[in-house]
Amino acid sequence: MFQIYKYIYVESKAAGYFSFGKHRKMIDEYSKEGWRFVTAIPTVFNIVGVIKKYDLVFEKEE
């Protein structure tokens, strides 16, 4: 038998020269709620191709 998973996508801003990303804290918070981090998908880039935003993808068994 196979497992069925549900997924959520949480938008996060990428860190910049003078700021740090909050992705580690977000991953820790969601994992405490039973979500498993799967991947990060870049969604917004600046004019030279630097990632500005991305979706953190989490999964949980239904």
Protein backbone atom coordinates (compact mmCIF):
# COMPACT_ATOMS: atom_id res chain seq x y z
CA MET A 1 0.00 0.00 0.00
CA PHE A 2 1.21 3.50 -0.69
CA GLN A 3 1.19 6.60 1.50
CA ILE A 4 -0.84 9.69 0.69
CA TYR A 5 0.75 13.02 1.55
CA LYS A 6 -0.55 16.56 1.71
CA TYR A 7 1.73 19.45 0.84
CA ILE A 8 1.98 23.08 1.82
CA TYR A 9 4.04 25.81 0.18
CA VAL A 10 5.33 28.60 2.42
CA GLU A 11 6.76 31.72 0.77
CA SER A 12 10.04 33.01 2.15
CA LYS A 13 12.31 35.90 1.20
CA ALA A 14 15.91 35.14 0.36
CA ALA A 15 18.65 36.63 2.51
CA GLY A 16 20.36 39.73 1.20
CA TYR A 17 23.65 41.47 1.77
CA PHE A 18 22.45 43.04 5.01
CA SER A 19 19.83 40.53 6.15
CA PHE A 20 19.62 36.86 7.02
CA GLY A 21 16.95 34.49 5.77
CA LYS A 22 14.43 33.04 8.20
CA HIS A 23 14.27 29.69 6.42
CA ARG A 24 15.97 27.68 9.17
CA LYS A 25 13.60 28.97 11.83
CA MET A 26 10.60 28.31 9.58
CA ILE A 27 11.75 24.74 8.84
CA ASP A 28 12.21 24.07 12.58
CA GLU A 29 8.77 25.50 13.40
CA TYR A 30 6.95 23.44 10.77
CA SER A 31 8.82 20.26 11.71
CA LYS A 32 7.57 20.63 15.30
CA GLU A 33 4.04 20.52 13.85
CA GLY A 34 4.77 17.24 12.07
CA TRP A 35 5.68 18.62 8.64
CA ARG A 36 8.73 17.31 6.79
CA PHE A 37 10.78 19.75 4.70
CA VAL A 38 11.01 18.54 1.08
CA THR A 39 12.64 21.30 -0.99
CA ALA A 40 12.84 25.01 -1.79
CA ILE A 41 11.56 26.25 -5.15
CA PRO A 42 12.81 29.65 -6.38
CA THR A 43 9.85 31.82 -7.43
CA VAL A 44 11.10 35.40 -7.83
CA PHE A 45 14.43 36.56 -9.29
CA ASN A 46 15.96 40.00 -9.75
CA ILE A 47 17.11 41.31 -13.13
CA VAL A 48 20.47 39.49 -12.96
CA GLY A 49 18.99 36.17 -11.83
CA VAL A 50 19.56 36.33 -8.08
CA ILE A 51 16.80 34.56 -6.12
CA LYS A 52 14.63 37.03 -4.17
CA LYS A 53 11.80 34.71 -2.97
CA TYR A 54 11.21 31.00 -2.85
CA ASP A 55 8.60 28.52 -1.65
CA LEU A 56 9.54 26.10 1.10
CA VAL A 57 7.72 22.82 0.44
CA PHE A 58 6.59 20.67 3.35
CA GLU A 59 4.76 17.35 3.40
CA LYS A 60 2.78 15.39 5.98
CA GLU A 61 1.02 12.03 5.81
CA GLU A 62 -2.75 12.30 5.63
